[in-house]
Amino acid sequence: MNFKLRIWRQRDAKSRGKLVKYDAPDIPAQASLLEMLDIVNERLLLRGEEPIAFDSDCREGICGTCSLTVNGEAHGPDHPGAACELYMRKFRDGETIIVEPFRVKSFPVIKDLVIDRSALDRIVQAGGFISARAGSAPEANSIPIPKHDADLSMEAAACIGCGACAAACPNASAMLFTAAKVSHLALLPQGEPERTKRVVSMVQAMDAEGFGNCTNTYECEAVCPAEISASFIAKLNREYSKASLRRSAGE
């Protein structure tokens, strides 16, 4: 398959970037988008040109580092799935493909397609933990958890922290990400001791990073590789309201 590419190139965070045109002939249909970029980079190196910088790790849709916007969509047109799970057979032969980094103010560009998503890490650091006795793992049946709660907690825990929700949101909101991290622990008895402090701290951290607010466009849910439901945002709002009331009451 043959493609025409327009790739975002930017030397560093302080430099101005631009879309650069590349030809990508003879690309296998079974190649992933990242494998296609590997092929393009090999050809650039053979010509003595600087390769395109982009992030990847597992290439199995687990790590979330392949944070790319493809033809204007976070992770590309094949949802649900991360950019590393997008295969070239999804595109038409001869198609022009535009590849850019996530466009979120809180995710500054480091170089080309590489962005700094450490803002999400700082949200987790603000409250994504529990108090637990160090030592051997406890007996699994020592704390009974209703199956419905366990299933919901596992659904929230599936978030890979890629940031596609913020990239797709017109407000650059990280509410779905934060809601997943808060709900994961709020649904379990192990997360009860820090429940009030957790949600307040994580929401404050989210706001401090410059993310916008949710206005229910549901773009976050549409592009999420883990198919996390936007209903968790409603749970986040309830958790935050309860915590705020408790704090105002001096609890």
C-alpha atoms as a PDB file:
ATOM      1  CA  MET A   1       0.000   0.000   0.000  1.00  0.00           C
ATOM      2  CA  ASN A   2       1.126   3.550  -0.739  1.00  0.00           C
ATOM      3  CA  PHE A   3       0.405   6.536   1.466  1.00  0.00           C
ATOM      4  CA  LYS A   4       1.101  10.238   1.592  1.00  0.00           C
ATOM      5  CA  LEU A   5       1.897  11.418   5.101  1.00  0.00           C
ATOM      6  CA  ARG A   6       1.777  14.766   6.819  1.00  0.00           C
ATOM      7  CA  ILE A   7       3.715  14.403  10.072  1.00  0.00           C
ATOM      8  CA  TRP A   8       4.073  17.014  12.807  1.00  0.00           C
ATOM      9  CA  ARG A   9       7.750  17.904  13.246  1.00  0.00           C
ATOM     10  CA  GLN A  10       8.903  20.083  16.152  1.00  0.00           C
ATOM     11  CA  ARG A  11      12.499  20.298  17.341  1.00  0.00           C
ATOM     12  CA  ASP A  12      11.642  20.973  21.007  1.00  0.00           C
ATOM     13  CA  ALA A  13       9.022  22.516  23.261  1.00  0.00           C
ATOM     14  CA  LYS A  14      10.209  26.059  22.537  1.00  0.00           C
ATOM     15  CA  SER A  15      10.380  25.731  18.750  1.00  0.00           C
ATOM     16  CA  ARG A  16       7.549  26.249  16.300  1.00  0.00           C
ATOM     17  CA  GLY A  17       6.358  23.060  14.672  1.00  0.00           C
ATOM     18  CA  LYS A  18       4.863  22.296  11.283  1.00  0.00           C
ATOM     19  CA  LEU A  19       3.391  19.469   9.246  1.00  0.00           C
ATOM     20  CA  VAL A  20       5.971  17.918   6.921  1.00  0.00           C
ATOM     21  CA  LYS A  21       5.039  15.840   3.879  1.00  0.00           C
ATOM     22  CA  TYR A  22       6.462  12.347   3.390  1.00  0.00           C
ATOM     23  CA  ASP A  23       5.791   9.591   0.883  1.00  0.00           C
ATOM     24  CA  ALA A  24       5.302   6.109   2.339  1.00  0.00           C
ATOM     25  CA  PRO A  25       5.253   3.592  -0.543  1.00  0.00           C
ATOM     26  CA  ASP A  26       5.145  -0.204  -0.256  1.00  0.00           C
ATOM     27  CA  ILE A  27       3.719  -0.379   3.260  1.00  0.00           C
ATOM     28  CA  PRO A  28       2.322  -3.817   4.221  1.00  0.00           C
ATOM     29  CA  ALA A  29      -1.417  -3.742   4.885  1.00  0.00           C
ATOM     30  CA  GLN A  30      -0.846  -5.783   8.066  1.00  0.00           C
ATOM     31  CA  ALA A  31       1.596  -3.223   9.473  1.00  0.00           C
ATOM     32  CA  SER A  32       0.433  -1.116  12.392  1.00  0.00           C
ATOM     33  CA  LEU A  33       0.641   2.672  12.268  1.00  0.00           C
ATOM     34  CA  LEU A  34       3.727   2.592  14.492  1.00  0.00           C
ATOM     35  CA  GLU A  35       5.354  -0.074  12.313  1.00  0.00           C
ATOM     36  CA  MET A  36       4.673   2.162   9.330  1.00  0.00           C
ATOM     37  CA  LEU A  37       6.471   4.995  11.140  1.00  0.00           C
ATOM     38  CA  ASP A  38       9.358   2.586  11.819  1.00  0.00           C
ATOM     39  CA  ILE A  39       9.619   1.881   8.083  1.00  0.00           C
ATOM     40  CA  VAL A  40       9.527   5.595   7.259  1.00  0.00           C
ATOM     41  CA  ASN A  41      12.243   6.262   9.854  1.00  0.00           C
ATOM     42  CA  GLU A  42      14.496   3.539   8.436  1.00  0.00           C
ATOM     43  CA  ARG A  43      14.239   5.177   5.019  1.00  0.00           C
ATOM     44  CA  LEU A  44      14.947   8.618   6.498  1.00  0.00           C
ATOM     45  CA  LEU A  45      18.077   7.294   8.213  1.00  0.00           C
ATOM     46  CA  LEU A  46      19.305   5.740   4.971  1.00  0.00           C
ATOM     47  CA  ARG A  47      19.002   9.186   3.372  1.00  0.00           C
ATOM     48  CA  GLY A  48      20.869  10.788   6.258  1.00  0.00           C
ATOM     49  CA  GLU A  49      17.779  12.601   7.547  1.00  0.00           C
ATOM     50  CA  GLU A  50      16.598  12.890  11.153  1.00  0.00           C
ATOM     51  CA  PRO A  51      13.961  10.255  12.031  1.00  0.00           C
ATOM     52  CA  ILE A  52      10.514  11.130  13.371  1.00  0.00           C
ATOM     53  CA  ALA A  53      10.381  11.016  17.167  1.00  0.00           C
ATOM     54  CA  PHE A  54       7.383   9.183  18.601  1.00  0.00           C
ATOM     55  CA  ASP A  55       6.583   7.283  21.798  1.00  0.00           C
ATOM     56  CA  SER A  56       5.807   3.588  22.177  1.00  0.00           C
ATOM     57  CA  ASP A  57       6.426   0.764  24.602  1.00  0.00           C
ATOM     58  CA  CYS A  58       4.228  -2.325  24.720  1.00  0.00           C
ATOM     59  CA  ARG A  59       2.583  -1.866  21.301  1.00  0.00           C
ATOM     60  CA  GLU A  60      -0.290  -3.974  22.599  1.00  0.00           C
ATOM     61  CA  GLY A  61      -2.715  -1.262  23.698  1.00  0.00           C
ATOM     62  CA  ILE A  62      -1.724  -1.588  27.356  1.00  0.00           C
ATOM     63  CA  CYS A  63       0.805   1.122  28.239  1.00  0.00           C
ATOM     64  CA  GLY A  64      -0.893   4.160  26.680  1.00  0.00           C
ATOM     65  CA  THR A  65       2.316   5.848  25.526  1.00  0.00           C
ATOM     66  CA  CYS A  66       1.417   5.872  21.798  1.00  0.00           C
ATOM     67  CA  SER A  67      -0.567   9.084  22.212  1.00  0.00           C
ATOM     68  CA  LEU A  68      -1.167  10.216  18.629  1.00  0.00           C
ATOM     69  CA  THR A  69      -3.883  12.085  16.790  1.00  0.00           C
ATOM     70  CA  VAL A  70      -4.506  10.484  13.397  1.00  0.00           C
ATOM     71  CA  ASN A  71      -6.585  12.383  10.859  1.00  0.00           C
ATOM     72  CA  GLY A  72      -7.972  14.514  13.660  1.00  0.00           C
ATOM     73  CA  GLU A  73      -8.993  11.640  15.950  1.00  0.00           C
ATOM     74  CA  ALA A  74      -7.254  10.641  19.166  1.00  0.00           C
ATOM     75  CA  HIS A  75      -5.684   7.204  18.499  1.00  0.00           C
ATOM     76  CA  GLY A  76      -7.099   7.253  14.963  1.00  0.00           C
ATOM     77  CA  PRO A  77     -10.341   6.030  13.381  1.00  0.00           C
ATOM     78  CA  ASP A  78     -10.393   2.441  14.666  1.00  0.00           C
ATOM     79  CA  HIS A  79     -12.089   2.627  18.080  1.00  0.00           C
ATOM     80  CA  PRO A  80     -11.749   1.174  20.636  1.00  0.00           C
ATOM     81  CA  GLY A  81      -8.013   0.820  20.468  1.00  0.00           C
ATOM     82  CA  ALA A  82      -4.732   2.658  20.921  1.00  0.00           C
ATOM     83  CA  ALA A  83      -2.678   4.037  18.039  1.00  0.00           C
ATOM     84  CA  CYS A  84      -0.400   0.991  18.176  1.00  0.00           C
ATOM     85  CA  GLU A  85      -3.431  -1.194  17.408  1.00  0.00           C
ATOM     86  CA  LEU A  86      -4.361   0.815  14.298  1.00  0.00           C
ATOM     87  CA  TYR A  87      -3.452  -1.121  11.158  1.00  0.00           C
ATOM     88  CA  MET A  88      -2.774   0.333   7.731  1.00  0.00           C
ATOM     89  CA  ARG A  89      -5.498  -1.799   6.143  1.00  0.00           C
ATOM     90  CA  LYS A  90      -7.918   0.583   7.877  1.00  0.00           C
ATOM     91  CA  PHE A  91      -6.897   3.252   5.342  1.00  0.00           C
ATOM     92  CA  ARG A  92      -7.437   3.432   1.595  1.00  0.00           C
ATOM     93  CA  ASP A  93      -4.491   2.865  -0.721  1.00  0.00           C
ATOM     94  CA  GLY A  94      -3.105   6.265  -1.696  1.00  0.00           C
ATOM     95  CA  GLU A  95      -4.783   8.058   1.224  1.00  0.00           C
ATOM     96  CA  THR A  96      -3.206  11.075   2.897  1.00  0.00           C
ATOM     97  CA  ILE A  97      -2.713  10.458   6.627  1.00  0.00           C
ATOM     98  CA  ILE A  98      -2.106  13.318   9.062  1.00  0.00           C
ATOM     99  CA  VAL A  99      -0.298  12.346  12.273  1.00  0.00           C
ATOM    100  CA  GLU A 100       0.021  14.820  15.133  1.00  0.00           C
ATOM    101  CA  PRO A 101       0.646  14.739  18.895  1.00  0.00           C
ATOM    102  CA  PHE A 102      -2.280  15.098  21.302  1.00  0.00           C
ATOM    103  CA  ARG A 103      -3.366  18.749  21.314  1.00  0.00           C
ATOM    104  CA  VAL A 104      -3.727  19.437  25.042  1.00  0.00           C
ATOM    105  CA  LYS A 105      -2.121  22.410  26.775  1.00  0.00           C
ATOM    106  CA  SER A 106      -1.349  20.206  29.779  1.00  0.00           C
ATOM    107  CA  PHE A 107       0.567  17.790  27.481  1.00  0.00           C
ATOM    108  CA  PRO A 108       3.421  19.956  26.134  1.00  0.00           C
ATOM    109  CA  VAL A 109       5.277  18.666  23.079  1.00  0.00           C
ATOM    110  CA  ILE A 110       8.776  17.395  23.834  1.00  0.00           C
ATOM    111  CA  LYS A 111       9.749  16.648  20.237  1.00  0.00           C
ATOM    112  CA  ASP A 112       7.798  15.829  17.076  1.00  0.00           C
ATOM    113  CA  LEU A 113       5.082  13.392  18.195  1.00  0.00           C
ATOM    114  CA  VAL A 114       6.385  12.933  21.750  1.00  0.00           C
ATOM    115  CA  ILE A 115       4.410  14.669  24.504  1.00  0.00           C
ATOM    116  CA  ASP A 116       4.824  15.047  28.250  1.00  0.00           C
ATOM    117  CA  ARG A 117       1.860  13.354  29.972  1.00  0.00           C
ATOM    118  CA  SER A 118       3.296  13.618  33.478  1.00  0.00           C
ATOM    119  CA  ALA A 119       0.321  15.813  34.438  1.00  0.00           C
ATOM    120  CA  LEU A 120      -1.700  12.590  34.668  1.00  0.00           C
ATOM    121  CA  ASP A 121       0.951  11.076  36.928  1.00  0.00           C
ATOM    122  CA  ARG A 122       0.700  14.043  39.281  1.00  0.00           C
ATOM    123  CA  ILE A 123      -3.067  13.600  39.518  1.00  0.00           C
ATOM    124  CA  VAL A 124      -2.549   9.981  40.563  1.00  0.00           C
ATOM    125  CA  GLN A 125       0.177  10.974  43.023  1.00  0.00           C
ATOM    126  CA  ALA A 126      -2.272  13.354  44.682  1.00  0.00           C
ATOM    127  CA  GLY A 127      -4.528  10.538  45.861  1.00  0.00           C
ATOM    128  CA  GLY A 128      -4.347   7.308  43.887  1.00  0.00           C
ATOM    129  CA  PHE A 129      -3.158   5.167  46.771  1.00  0.00           C
ATOM    130  CA  ILE A 130      -4.436   3.374  49.859  1.00  0.00           C
ATOM    131  CA  SER A 131      -3.135   2.835  53.381  1.00  0.00           C
ATOM    132  CA  ALA A 132      -2.226  -0.811  53.708  1.00  0.00           C
ATOM    133  CA  ARG A 133      -0.066  -2.840  56.072  1.00  0.00           C
ATOM    134  CA  ALA A 134       3.155  -3.869  54.408  1.00  0.00           C
ATOM    135  CA  GLY A 135       3.827  -7.567  54.288  1.00  0.00           C
ATOM    136  CA  SER A 136       2.362 -10.635  52.632  1.00  0.00           C
ATOM    137  CA  ALA A 137      -0.788 -10.407  50.514  1.00  0.00           C
ATOM    138  CA  PRO A 138      -4.004 -10.772  52.536  1.00  0.00           C
ATOM    139  CA  GLU A 139      -6.366 -13.680  52.035  1.00  0.00           C
ATOM    140  CA  ALA A 140      -8.577 -12.887  49.029  1.00  0.00           C
ATOM    141  CA  ASN A 141     -11.786 -13.786  50.851  1.00  0.00           C
ATOM    142  CA  SER A 142     -11.000 -11.856  54.035  1.00  0.00           C
ATOM    143  CA  ILE A 143     -12.825  -8.753  52.758  1.00  0.00           C
ATOM    144  CA  PRO A 144     -16.098  -9.676  51.021  1.00  0.00           C
ATOM    145  CA  ILE A 145     -16.869  -7.349  48.101  1.00  0.00           C
ATOM    146  CA  PRO A 146     -20.172  -7.471  46.185  1.00  0.00           C
ATOM    147  CA  LYS A 147     -19.625  -8.667  42.626  1.00  0.00           C
ATOM    148  CA  HIS A 148     -21.282  -5.571  41.161  1.00  0.00           C
ATOM    149  CA  ASP A 149     -18.837  -3.305  43.007  1.00  0.00           C
ATOM    150  CA  ALA A 150     -15.878  -5.493  42.104  1.00  0.00           C
ATOM    151  CA  ASP A 151     -16.844  -5.483  38.417  1.00  0.00           C
ATOM    152  CA  LEU A 152     -17.262  -1.697  38.354  1.00  0.00           C
ATOM    153  CA  SER A 153     -13.941  -1.215  40.127  1.00  0.00           C
ATOM    154  CA  MET A 154     -12.202  -3.456  37.596  1.00  0.00           C
ATOM    155  CA  GLU A 155     -13.824  -1.518  34.749  1.00  0.00           C
ATOM    156  CA  ALA A 156     -12.464   1.735  36.151  1.00  0.00           C
ATOM    157  CA  ALA A 157      -9.060   0.185  36.793  1.00  0.00           C
ATOM    158  CA  ALA A 158      -8.773  -0.659  33.084  1.00  0.00           C
ATOM    159  CA  CYS A 159      -7.787   2.970  32.347  1.00  0.00           C
ATOM    160  CA  ILE A 160      -4.333   2.961  30.718  1.00  0.00           C
ATOM    161  CA  GLY A 161      -3.710   6.669  31.315  1.00  0.00           C
ATOM    162  CA  CYS A 162      -3.128   7.488  27.655  1.00  0.00           C
ATOM    163  CA  GLY A 163      -4.817  10.897  27.823  1.00  0.00           C
ATOM    164  CA  ALA A 164      -7.009  10.351  24.749  1.00  0.00           C
ATOM    165  CA  CYS A 165     -10.025  11.522  26.757  1.00  0.00           C
ATOM    166  CA  ALA A 166      -8.452  14.947  27.245  1.00  0.00           C
ATOM    167  CA  ALA A 167      -7.218  15.074  23.645  1.00  0.00           C
ATOM    168  CA  ALA A 168     -10.706  14.379  22.261  1.00  0.00           C
ATOM    169  CA  CYS A 169     -12.561  16.706  24.626  1.00  0.00           C
ATOM    170  CA  PRO A 170     -13.220  20.226  23.274  1.00  0.00           C
ATOM    171  CA  ASN A 171     -12.421  21.492  26.791  1.00  0.00           C
ATOM    172  CA  ALA A 172      -9.300  19.320  27.189  1.00  0.00           C
ATOM    173  CA  SER A 173     -10.923  17.787  30.256  1.00  0.00           C
ATOM    174  CA  ALA A 174      -9.283  14.954  32.165  1.00  0.00           C
ATOM    175  CA  MET A 175     -12.498  14.160  34.037  1.00  0.00           C
ATOM    176  CA  LEU A 176     -12.825  10.635  32.635  1.00  0.00           C
ATOM    177  CA  PHE A 177      -9.252   9.785  33.620  1.00  0.00           C
ATOM    178  CA  THR A 178      -9.645  11.258  37.101  1.00  0.00           C
ATOM    179  CA  ALA A 179     -13.066   9.656  37.524  1.00  0.00           C
ATOM    180  CA  ALA A 180     -11.658   6.237  36.668  1.00  0.00           C
ATOM    181  CA  LYS A 181      -8.816   6.574  39.175  1.00  0.00           C
ATOM    182  CA  VAL A 182     -11.103   7.868  41.934  1.00  0.00           C
ATOM    183  CA  SER A 183     -13.856   5.299  41.292  1.00  0.00           C
ATOM    184  CA  HIS A 184     -11.453   2.367  41.151  1.00  0.00           C
ATOM    185  CA  LEU A 185     -10.618   2.830  44.851  1.00  0.00           C
ATOM    186  CA  ALA A 186     -13.881   4.415  46.037  1.00  0.00           C
ATOM    187  CA  LEU A 187     -15.774   1.248  45.088  1.00  0.00           C
ATOM    188  CA  LEU A 188     -13.563  -0.952  47.283  1.00  0.00           C
ATOM    189  CA  PRO A 189     -13.429  -1.123  51.086  1.00  0.00           C
ATOM    190  CA  GLN A 190      -9.625  -0.827  50.885  1.00  0.00           C
ATOM    191  CA  GLY A 191     -10.054   2.688  49.529  1.00  0.00           C
ATOM    192  CA  GLU A 192     -12.385   3.878  52.285  1.00  0.00           C
ATOM    193  CA  PRO A 193      -9.838   5.462  54.708  1.00  0.00           C
ATOM    194  CA  GLU A 194      -8.656   8.062  52.151  1.00  0.00           C
ATOM    195  CA  ARG A 195     -11.962   8.356  50.303  1.00  0.00           C
ATOM    196  CA  THR A 196     -12.759  11.967  51.207  1.00  0.00           C
ATOM    197  CA  LYS A 197      -9.198  13.245  50.979  1.00  0.00           C
ATOM    198  CA  ARG A 198      -8.542  11.342  47.747  1.00  0.00           C
ATOM    199  CA  VAL A 199     -11.251  12.845  45.575  1.00  0.00           C
ATOM    200  CA  VAL A 200     -10.632  16.416  46.780  1.00  0.00           C
ATOM    201  CA  SER A 201      -6.869  16.122  46.280  1.00  0.00           C
ATOM    202  CA  MET A 202      -7.133  14.552  42.828  1.00  0.00           C
ATOM    203  CA  VAL A 203      -9.690  17.057  41.559  1.00  0.00           C
ATOM    204  CA  GLN A 204      -7.571  19.936  42.884  1.00  0.00           C
ATOM    205  CA  ALA A 205      -4.509  18.442  41.182  1.00  0.00           C
ATOM    206  CA  MET A 206      -6.468  18.068  37.928  1.00  0.00           C
ATOM    207  CA  ASP A 207      -7.512  21.716  38.048  1.00  0.00           C
ATOM    208  CA  ALA A 208      -3.985  22.846  38.908  1.00  0.00           C
ATOM    209  CA  GLU A 209      -2.655  21.085  35.790  1.00  0.00           C
ATOM    210  CA  GLY A 210      -4.891  23.247  33.606  1.00  0.00           C
ATOM    211  CA  PHE A 211      -7.375  20.668  32.353  1.00  0.00           C
ATOM    212  CA  GLY A 212     -10.846  21.926  31.452  1.00  0.00           C
ATOM    213  CA  ASN A 213     -14.238  20.917  32.825  1.00  0.00           C
ATOM    214  CA  CYS A 214     -16.653  18.330  31.475  1.00  0.00           C
ATOM    215  CA  THR A 215     -19.611  19.573  29.411  1.00  0.00           C
ATOM    216  CA  ASN A 216     -20.970  16.129  28.515  1.00  0.00           C
ATOM    217  CA  THR A 217     -19.916  15.861  24.868  1.00  0.00           C
ATOM    218  CA  TYR A 218     -18.976  12.180  25.432  1.00  0.00           C
ATOM    219  CA  GLU A 219     -15.993  12.396  23.073  1.00  0.00           C
ATOM    220  CA  CYS A 220     -13.871  10.979  25.908  1.00  0.00           C
ATOM    221  CA  GLU A 221     -15.951   7.813  26.052  1.00  0.00           C
ATOM    222  CA  ALA A 222     -15.937   7.487  22.244  1.00  0.00           C
ATOM    223  CA  VAL A 223     -12.126   7.391  21.931  1.00  0.00           C
ATOM    224  CA  CYS A 224     -11.206   5.572  25.157  1.00  0.00           C
ATOM    225  CA  PRO A 225      -9.171   2.442  24.261  1.00  0.00           C
ATOM    226  CA  ALA A 226     -10.424   0.742  27.449  1.00  0.00           C
ATOM    227  CA  GLU A 227     -14.073   1.662  26.732  1.00  0.00           C
ATOM    228  CA  ILE A 228     -14.474   3.307  30.133  1.00  0.00           C
ATOM    229  CA  SER A 229     -17.982   4.663  30.560  1.00  0.00           C
ATOM    230  CA  ALA A 230     -18.609   8.376  30.996  1.00  0.00           C
ATOM    231  CA  SER A 231     -20.965   7.395  33.823  1.00  0.00           C
ATOM    232  CA  PHE A 232     -17.874   7.332  36.048  1.00  0.00           C
ATOM    233  CA  ILE A 233     -17.744  11.126  35.689  1.00  0.00           C
ATOM    234  CA  ALA A 234     -21.141  11.297  37.401  1.00  0.00           C
ATOM    235  CA  LYS A 235     -19.721   9.129  40.190  1.00  0.00           C
ATOM    236  CA  LEU A 236     -16.735  11.469  40.486  1.00  0.00           C
ATOM    237  CA  ASN A 237     -19.088  14.440  40.841  1.00  0.00           C
ATOM    238  CA  ARG A 238     -21.054  12.647  43.566  1.00  0.00           C
ATOM    239  CA  GLU A 239     -17.890  11.669  45.412  1.00  0.00           C
ATOM    240  CA  TYR A 240     -16.596  15.239  45.225  1.00  0.00           C
ATOM    241  CA  SER A 241     -19.889  16.728  46.423  1.00  0.00           C
ATOM    242  CA  LYS A 242     -20.056  14.358  49.397  1.00  0.00           C
ATOM    243  CA  ALA A 243     -16.432  15.030  50.302  1.00  0.00           C
ATOM    244  CA  SER A 244     -16.952  18.793  50.105  1.00  0.00           C
ATOM    245  CA  LEU A 245     -19.990  18.596  52.390  1.00  0.00           C
ATOM    246  CA  ARG A 246     -18.070  16.490  54.901  1.00  0.00           C
ATOM    247  CA  ARG A 247     -15.210  18.937  54.910  1.00  0.00           C
ATOM    248  CA  SER A 248     -17.516  21.934  55.361  1.00  0.00           C
ATOM    249  CA  ALA A 249     -19.156  20.092  58.271  1.00  0.00           C
ATOM    250  CA  GLY A 250     -15.742  19.548  59.856  1.00  0.00           C
ATOM    251  CA  GLU A 251     -15.726  15.770  59.455  1.00  0.00           C
END
